[in-house]
C-alpha cells in the first residue's frame, strides 16, 4: 500500500471515529443570549508566555458540545469547534470563582466565545453570568 493511500485511509478512519464519538454532542452557538452547560469544575495552573502564573477554572462537560460559528457576521475570532469536552470559565467577580472549589455537578450559564489571546487556555470559553 502506498504512503499516500495510507494517509487517506487514516484520515477517513479518524474522521469517522470523531463523528461517531460526538454524535450525541449538544449543539451550541457563540454569543447566544445564554447557554447552559453542566459539568465538573477542575482547576489548572499554567504559565502565561509573559511569565505570570495563572490559576484557571475549567468546566469538564458531562456531554461534549459542538459549537458553530455565526455565519451572519459574528465575531471574527469565532470558529466551529466539534466535540468540545472542556471550556474555560471567565467570571467578572473573582470572589464567585474562588467559591466554586471542585464541584462535580456545576451548571454554568453564560455566553460562549472562542479563544483569541494567550490568556485563553481552551478553544471555547464562557463569560459566566
N, C-alpha and C. Protein backbone atom coordinates (compact mmCIF):
# COMPACT_ATOMS: atom_id res chain seq x y z
N UNK A 1 0.85 -1.17 0.00
CA UNK A 1 0.00 0.00 0.00
C UNK A 1 0.90 1.24 0.00
N UNK A 2 0.57 2.20 -0.78
CA UNK A 2 1.39 3.39 -0.89
C UNK A 2 1.21 4.29 0.34
N UNK A 3 2.20 5.14 0.57
CA UNK A 3 2.18 6.07 1.70
C UNK A 3 1.00 7.02 1.60
N UNK A 4 0.73 7.54 0.40
CA UNK A 4 -0.39 8.47 0.20
C UNK A 4 -1.73 7.81 0.50
N UNK A 5 -1.89 6.58 0.07
CA UNK A 5 -3.13 5.84 0.32
C UNK A 5 -3.31 5.59 1.82
N UNK A 6 -2.21 5.31 2.52
CA UNK A 6 -2.27 5.08 3.97
C UNK A 6 -2.74 6.33 4.69
N UNK A 7 -2.26 7.48 4.26
CA UNK A 7 -2.66 8.75 4.89
C UNK A 7 -4.15 8.99 4.66
N UNK A 8 -4.63 8.75 3.47
CA UNK A 8 -6.05 8.94 3.17
C UNK A 8 -6.91 8.02 4.02
N UNK A 9 -6.53 6.76 4.14
CA UNK A 9 -7.29 5.80 4.94
C UNK A 9 -7.27 6.22 6.41
N UNK A 10 -6.11 6.63 6.91
CA UNK A 10 -6.02 7.09 8.30
C UNK A 10 -6.93 8.29 8.54
N UNK A 11 -6.93 9.25 7.62
CA UNK A 11 -7.77 10.44 7.74
C UNK A 11 -9.25 10.06 7.77
N UNK A 12 -9.66 9.18 6.88
CA UNK A 12 -11.06 8.76 6.83
C UNK A 12 -11.49 8.04 8.10
N UNK A 13 -10.64 7.17 8.60
CA UNK A 13 -10.97 6.46 9.84
C UNK A 13 -11.01 7.41 11.03
N UNK A 14 -10.09 8.35 11.09
CA UNK A 14 -10.07 9.33 12.18
C UNK A 14 -11.31 10.21 12.15
N UNK A 15 -11.70 10.65 10.97
CA UNK A 15 -12.88 11.49 10.82
C UNK A 15 -14.14 10.72 11.20
N UNK A 16 -14.23 9.48 10.80
CA UNK A 16 -15.40 8.65 11.14
C UNK A 16 -15.47 8.42 12.65
N UNK A 17 -14.32 8.21 13.28
CA UNK A 17 -14.29 8.00 14.72
C UNK A 17 -14.72 9.26 15.45
N UNK A 18 -14.26 10.42 15.02
CA UNK A 18 -14.65 11.68 15.65
C UNK A 18 -16.15 11.92 15.49
N UNK A 19 -16.68 11.66 14.31
CA UNK A 19 -18.11 11.85 14.08
C UNK A 19 -18.92 10.92 14.97
N UNK A 20 -18.47 9.69 15.14
CA UNK A 20 -19.17 8.74 15.99
C UNK A 20 -19.08 9.16 17.46
N UNK A 21 -17.90 9.59 17.88
CA UNK A 21 -17.68 9.97 19.28
C UNK A 21 -18.52 11.18 19.66
N UNK A 22 -18.85 12.04 18.72
CA UNK A 22 -19.57 13.28 19.02
C UNK A 22 -20.98 13.27 18.45
N UNK A 23 -21.48 12.10 18.12
CA UNK A 23 -22.81 12.01 17.52
C UNK A 23 -23.89 12.53 18.46
N UNK A 24 -23.67 12.39 19.77
CA UNK A 24 -24.67 12.83 20.74
C UNK A 24 -24.33 14.19 21.36
N UNK A 25 -23.41 14.91 20.76
CA UNK A 25 -22.98 16.20 21.30
C UNK A 25 -24.11 17.23 21.27
N UNK A 26 -24.15 18.05 22.31
CA UNK A 26 -25.10 19.15 22.38
C UNK A 26 -24.64 20.25 21.42
N UNK A 27 -25.58 20.90 20.75
CA UNK A 27 -25.24 21.97 19.81
C UNK A 27 -25.29 23.30 20.55
N UNK A 28 -24.28 24.11 20.34
CA UNK A 28 -24.22 25.43 20.97
C UNK A 28 -23.75 26.45 19.93
N UNK A 29 -24.02 27.71 20.19
CA UNK A 29 -23.58 28.79 19.31
C UNK A 29 -22.90 29.86 20.14
N UNK A 30 -22.06 30.62 19.48
CA UNK A 30 -21.39 31.73 20.13
C UNK A 30 -22.38 32.86 20.39
N UNK A 31 -22.14 33.55 21.49
CA UNK A 31 -22.84 34.79 21.80
C UNK A 31 -24.36 34.68 21.78
N UNK A 32 -24.88 33.49 22.08
CA UNK A 32 -26.32 33.36 22.29
C UNK A 32 -26.66 34.16 23.54
N UNK A 33 -27.93 34.41 23.75
CA UNK A 33 -28.35 35.14 24.94
C UNK A 33 -27.78 34.47 26.19
N UNK A 34 -27.90 33.16 26.27
CA UNK A 34 -27.31 32.40 27.38
C UNK A 34 -27.27 30.94 26.99
N UNK A 35 -26.17 30.30 27.32
CA UNK A 35 -26.02 28.87 27.12
C UNK A 35 -25.84 28.24 28.48
N UNK A 36 -26.49 27.11 28.71
CA UNK A 36 -26.40 26.41 29.99
C UNK A 36 -25.66 25.09 29.76
N UNK A 37 -24.55 24.89 30.50
CA UNK A 37 -23.74 23.69 30.36
C UNK A 37 -23.45 23.11 31.73
N UNK A 38 -23.48 21.78 31.82
CA UNK A 38 -23.29 21.10 33.09
C UNK A 38 -22.01 20.28 33.05
N UNK A 39 -21.29 20.30 34.17
CA UNK A 39 -20.07 19.51 34.24
C UNK A 39 -19.39 19.63 35.58
N UNK A 40 -18.14 19.22 35.63
CA UNK A 40 -17.34 19.24 36.85
C UNK A 40 -16.31 20.36 36.75
N UNK A 41 -16.18 21.13 37.83
CA UNK A 41 -15.17 22.19 37.89
C UNK A 41 -13.82 21.56 38.24
N UNK A 42 -12.82 21.86 37.44
CA UNK A 42 -11.45 21.49 37.77
C UNK A 42 -10.60 22.76 37.72
N UNK A 43 -9.48 22.74 38.40
CA UNK A 43 -8.58 23.90 38.43
C UNK A 43 -7.25 23.49 37.82
N UNK A 44 -6.69 24.37 37.02
CA UNK A 44 -5.38 24.12 36.44
C UNK A 44 -4.50 25.34 36.70
N UNK A 45 -3.22 25.10 36.81
CA UNK A 45 -2.24 26.18 36.91
C UNK A 45 -1.36 26.12 35.68
N UNK A 46 -1.24 27.25 35.00
CA UNK A 46 -0.45 27.32 33.77
C UNK A 46 0.40 28.58 33.81
N UNK A 47 1.45 28.58 33.03
CA UNK A 47 2.32 29.73 32.92
C UNK A 47 2.00 30.49 31.63
N UNK A 48 1.70 31.77 31.76
CA UNK A 48 1.47 32.63 30.61
C UNK A 48 2.82 32.91 29.95
N UNK A 49 2.84 33.17 28.64
CA UNK A 49 4.11 33.47 27.97
C UNK A 49 4.90 34.63 28.60
N UNK A 50 4.21 35.53 29.31
CA UNK A 50 4.93 36.65 29.94
C UNK A 50 5.50 36.29 31.31
N UNK A 51 5.33 35.02 31.73
CA UNK A 51 5.89 34.56 32.99
C UNK A 51 4.91 34.58 34.15
N UNK A 52 3.72 35.10 33.95
CA UNK A 52 2.71 35.16 35.00
C UNK A 52 2.06 33.80 35.19
N UNK A 53 1.92 33.38 36.45
CA UNK A 53 1.24 32.12 36.74
C UNK A 53 -0.27 32.36 36.74
N UNK A 54 -1.02 31.48 36.10
CA UNK A 54 -2.48 31.58 36.05
C UNK A 54 -3.10 30.38 36.74
N UNK A 55 -4.14 30.62 37.52
CA UNK A 55 -4.95 29.53 38.09
C UNK A 55 -6.33 29.69 37.47
N UNK A 56 -6.73 28.69 36.68
CA UNK A 56 -7.94 28.80 35.88
C UNK A 56 -8.99 27.78 36.27
N UNK A 57 -10.26 28.18 36.15
CA UNK A 57 -11.35 27.24 36.37
C UNK A 57 -11.80 26.71 35.01
N UNK A 58 -11.87 25.39 34.92
CA UNK A 58 -12.25 24.70 33.70
C UNK A 58 -13.50 23.89 34.00
N UNK A 59 -14.46 23.92 33.09
CA UNK A 59 -15.64 23.09 33.23
C UNK A 59 -15.46 21.88 32.32
N UNK A 60 -15.30 20.70 32.94
CA UNK A 60 -15.20 19.45 32.19
C UNK A 60 -16.64 18.98 31.98
N UNK A 61 -17.10 19.06 30.74
CA UNK A 61 -18.50 18.85 30.41
C UNK A 61 -18.94 17.39 30.58
N UNK A 62 -20.18 17.22 31.04
CA UNK A 62 -20.74 15.87 31.14
C UNK A 62 -20.98 15.29 29.77
N UNK A 63 -21.31 16.15 28.83
CA UNK A 63 -21.60 15.74 27.46
C UNK A 63 -20.88 16.72 26.52
N UNK A 64 -20.16 16.23 25.51
CA UNK A 64 -19.45 17.16 24.62
C UNK A 64 -20.41 18.08 23.87
N UNK A 65 -19.86 19.20 23.42
CA UNK A 65 -20.66 20.14 22.64
C UNK A 65 -19.99 20.39 21.29
N UNK A 66 -20.81 20.72 20.31
CA UNK A 66 -20.36 21.21 19.02
C UNK A 66 -20.76 22.68 18.97
N UNK A 67 -19.79 23.55 18.78
CA UNK A 67 -20.05 24.99 18.76
C UNK A 67 -19.86 25.47 17.33
N UNK A 68 -20.89 26.10 16.79
CA UNK A 68 -20.86 26.52 15.40
C UNK A 68 -20.73 28.03 15.30
N UNK A 69 -19.90 28.47 14.37
CA UNK A 69 -19.72 29.90 14.15
C UNK A 69 -21.00 30.53 13.62
N UNK A 70 -21.17 31.79 13.90
CA UNK A 70 -22.31 32.55 13.41
C UNK A 70 -21.97 33.04 12.00
N UNK A 71 -22.63 32.51 11.02
CA UNK A 71 -22.33 32.87 9.63
C UNK A 71 -22.96 34.20 9.21
N UNK A 72 -23.70 34.81 10.11
CA UNK A 72 -24.35 36.09 9.80
C UNK A 72 -23.57 37.25 10.39
N UNK A 73 -22.27 37.27 10.17
CA UNK A 73 -21.46 38.39 10.62
C UNK A 73 -21.10 38.34 12.09
N UNK A 74 -20.81 37.16 12.60
CA UNK A 74 -20.44 37.03 14.00
C UNK A 74 -19.04 37.58 14.26
N UNK A 75 -18.54 37.32 15.44
CA UNK A 75 -17.22 37.76 15.85
C UNK A 75 -16.15 37.17 14.93
N UNK A 76 -15.13 37.94 14.63
CA UNK A 76 -14.08 37.49 13.72
C UNK A 76 -13.27 36.32 14.26
N UNK A 77 -13.28 36.10 15.57
CA UNK A 77 -12.49 35.02 16.17
C UNK A 77 -13.25 33.70 16.23
N UNK A 78 -14.57 33.75 16.14
CA UNK A 78 -15.37 32.54 16.31
C UNK A 78 -15.15 31.55 15.17
N UNK A 79 -14.88 30.31 15.56
CA UNK A 79 -14.68 29.22 14.62
C UNK A 79 -15.50 28.03 15.09
N UNK A 80 -15.91 27.20 14.15
CA UNK A 80 -16.61 25.98 14.52
C UNK A 80 -15.64 25.05 15.24
N UNK A 81 -16.07 24.53 16.38
CA UNK A 81 -15.28 23.56 17.15
C UNK A 81 -16.19 22.38 17.47
N UNK A 82 -15.73 21.18 17.14
CA UNK A 82 -16.51 19.97 17.34
C UNK A 82 -15.98 19.14 18.50
N UNK A 83 -16.88 18.49 19.19
CA UNK A 83 -16.55 17.55 20.26
C UNK A 83 -15.75 18.20 21.39
N UNK A 84 -16.19 19.37 21.81
CA UNK A 84 -15.53 20.11 22.88
C UNK A 84 -15.90 19.46 24.21
N UNK A 85 -14.89 19.11 25.00
CA UNK A 85 -15.14 18.42 26.27
C UNK A 85 -14.81 19.28 27.48
N UNK A 86 -14.08 20.37 27.27
CA UNK A 86 -13.74 21.29 28.36
C UNK A 86 -13.85 22.72 27.86
N UNK A 87 -14.33 23.60 28.75
CA UNK A 87 -14.35 25.03 28.43
C UNK A 87 -13.73 25.79 29.61
N UNK A 88 -13.12 26.90 29.30
CA UNK A 88 -12.57 27.77 30.33
C UNK A 88 -13.66 28.73 30.78
N UNK A 89 -13.83 28.86 32.10
CA UNK A 89 -14.85 29.76 32.64
C UNK A 89 -14.22 31.10 33.01
N UNK A 90 -14.89 32.17 32.60
CA UNK A 90 -14.44 33.53 32.90
C UNK A 90 -15.50 34.18 33.78
N UNK A 91 -15.09 34.67 34.93
CA UNK A 91 -16.01 35.31 35.88
C UNK A 91 -15.66 36.78 36.02
N UNK A 92 -16.68 37.63 36.05
CA UNK A 92 -16.46 39.06 36.29
C UNK A 92 -16.05 39.28 37.74
N UNK A 93 -16.52 38.41 38.62
CA UNK A 93 -16.28 38.52 40.05
C UNK A 93 -15.38 37.38 40.51
N UNK A 94 -14.15 37.67 40.89
CA UNK A 94 -13.23 36.60 41.30
C UNK A 94 -13.65 35.94 42.60
N UNK A 95 -14.41 36.64 43.44
CA UNK A 95 -14.89 36.04 44.69
C UNK A 95 -15.82 34.86 44.39
N UNK A 96 -16.67 35.02 43.39
CA UNK A 96 -17.57 33.93 42.98
C UNK A 96 -16.75 32.76 42.46
N UNK A 97 -15.76 33.04 41.67
CA UNK A 97 -14.91 31.99 41.10
C UNK A 97 -14.21 31.20 42.21
N UNK A 98 -13.70 31.88 43.22
CA UNK A 98 -12.96 31.21 44.30
C UNK A 98 -13.86 30.32 45.15
N UNK A 99 -15.16 30.61 45.19
CA UNK A 99 -16.10 29.82 45.99
C UNK A 99 -16.41 28.46 45.35
N UNK A 100 -16.10 28.30 44.08
CA UNK A 100 -16.50 27.10 43.35
C UNK A 100 -15.85 25.81 43.84
N UNK A 101 -14.57 25.87 44.17
CA UNK A 101 -13.81 24.68 44.54
C UNK A 101 -13.91 23.64 43.42
N UNK A 102 -14.11 22.37 43.81
CA UNK A 102 -14.22 21.29 42.83
C UNK A 102 -15.63 20.74 42.85
N UNK A 103 -16.55 21.43 42.23
CA UNK A 103 -17.94 20.99 42.21
C UNK A 103 -18.15 20.00 41.06
N UNK A 104 -18.81 18.90 41.36
CA UNK A 104 -18.96 17.85 40.34
C UNK A 104 -20.23 18.00 39.51
N UNK A 105 -21.18 18.78 39.96
CA UNK A 105 -22.41 18.98 39.20
C UNK A 105 -22.72 20.46 39.06
N UNK A 106 -21.80 21.20 38.49
CA UNK A 106 -21.97 22.64 38.34
C UNK A 106 -22.66 22.95 37.02
N UNK A 107 -23.63 23.85 37.06
CA UNK A 107 -24.30 24.31 35.85
C UNK A 107 -23.85 25.74 35.59
N UNK A 108 -23.10 25.93 34.52
CA UNK A 108 -22.61 27.25 34.14
C UNK A 108 -23.56 27.84 33.11
N UNK A 109 -23.90 29.11 33.30
CA UNK A 109 -24.78 29.82 32.37
C UNK A 109 -24.05 31.07 31.91
N UNK A 110 -23.97 31.26 30.61
CA UNK A 110 -23.29 32.44 30.10
C UNK A 110 -23.15 32.40 28.59
N UNK A 111 -22.33 33.32 28.08
CA UNK A 111 -22.11 33.44 26.64
C UNK A 111 -20.78 32.80 26.27
N UNK A 112 -20.81 32.03 25.19
CA UNK A 112 -19.60 31.37 24.70
C UNK A 112 -18.84 32.27 23.74
N UNK A 113 -17.51 32.15 23.79
CA UNK A 113 -16.68 32.81 22.80
C UNK A 113 -15.43 31.97 22.55
N UNK A 114 -14.78 32.23 21.43
CA UNK A 114 -13.61 31.45 21.01
C UNK A 114 -12.34 32.09 21.56
N UNK A 115 -11.35 31.27 21.82
CA UNK A 115 -10.06 31.78 22.28
C UNK A 115 -9.49 32.80 21.30
N UNK A 116 -8.79 33.81 21.82
CA UNK A 116 -8.13 34.75 20.92
C UNK A 116 -6.95 35.48 21.56
N UNK A 117 -6.57 35.12 22.79
CA UNK A 117 -5.37 35.69 23.41
C UNK A 117 -4.58 34.58 24.09
N UNK A 118 -3.38 34.90 24.53
CA UNK A 118 -2.54 33.93 25.24
C UNK A 118 -3.09 33.59 26.62
N UNK A 119 -4.01 34.39 27.13
CA UNK A 119 -4.65 34.12 28.43
C UNK A 119 -5.71 33.02 28.31
N UNK A 120 -6.14 32.74 27.11
CA UNK A 120 -7.18 31.73 26.88
C UNK A 120 -6.53 30.37 26.69
N UNK A 121 -6.90 29.41 27.55
CA UNK A 121 -6.25 28.10 27.55
C UNK A 121 -7.12 26.97 27.03
N UNK A 122 -8.31 27.26 26.62
CA UNK A 122 -9.17 26.28 25.97
C UNK A 122 -9.72 26.94 24.71
N UNK A 123 -10.12 26.13 23.73
CA UNK A 123 -10.64 26.67 22.48
C UNK A 123 -11.92 27.47 22.70
N UNK A 124 -12.76 27.00 23.63
CA UNK A 124 -14.03 27.64 23.92
C UNK A 124 -14.01 28.15 25.36
N UNK A 125 -14.49 29.38 25.54
CA UNK A 125 -14.59 29.99 26.85
C UNK A 125 -16.02 30.44 27.08
N UNK A 126 -16.37 30.60 28.35
CA UNK A 126 -17.70 31.09 28.69
C UNK A 126 -17.57 32.28 29.63
N UNK A 127 -18.22 33.38 29.27
CA UNK A 127 -18.34 34.54 30.13
C UNK A 127 -19.53 34.24 31.04
N UNK A 128 -19.25 33.76 32.26
CA UNK A 128 -20.30 33.30 33.16
C UNK A 128 -21.09 34.47 33.71
N UNK A 129 -22.43 34.32 33.68
CA UNK A 129 -23.31 35.39 34.16
C UNK A 129 -23.58 35.24 35.64
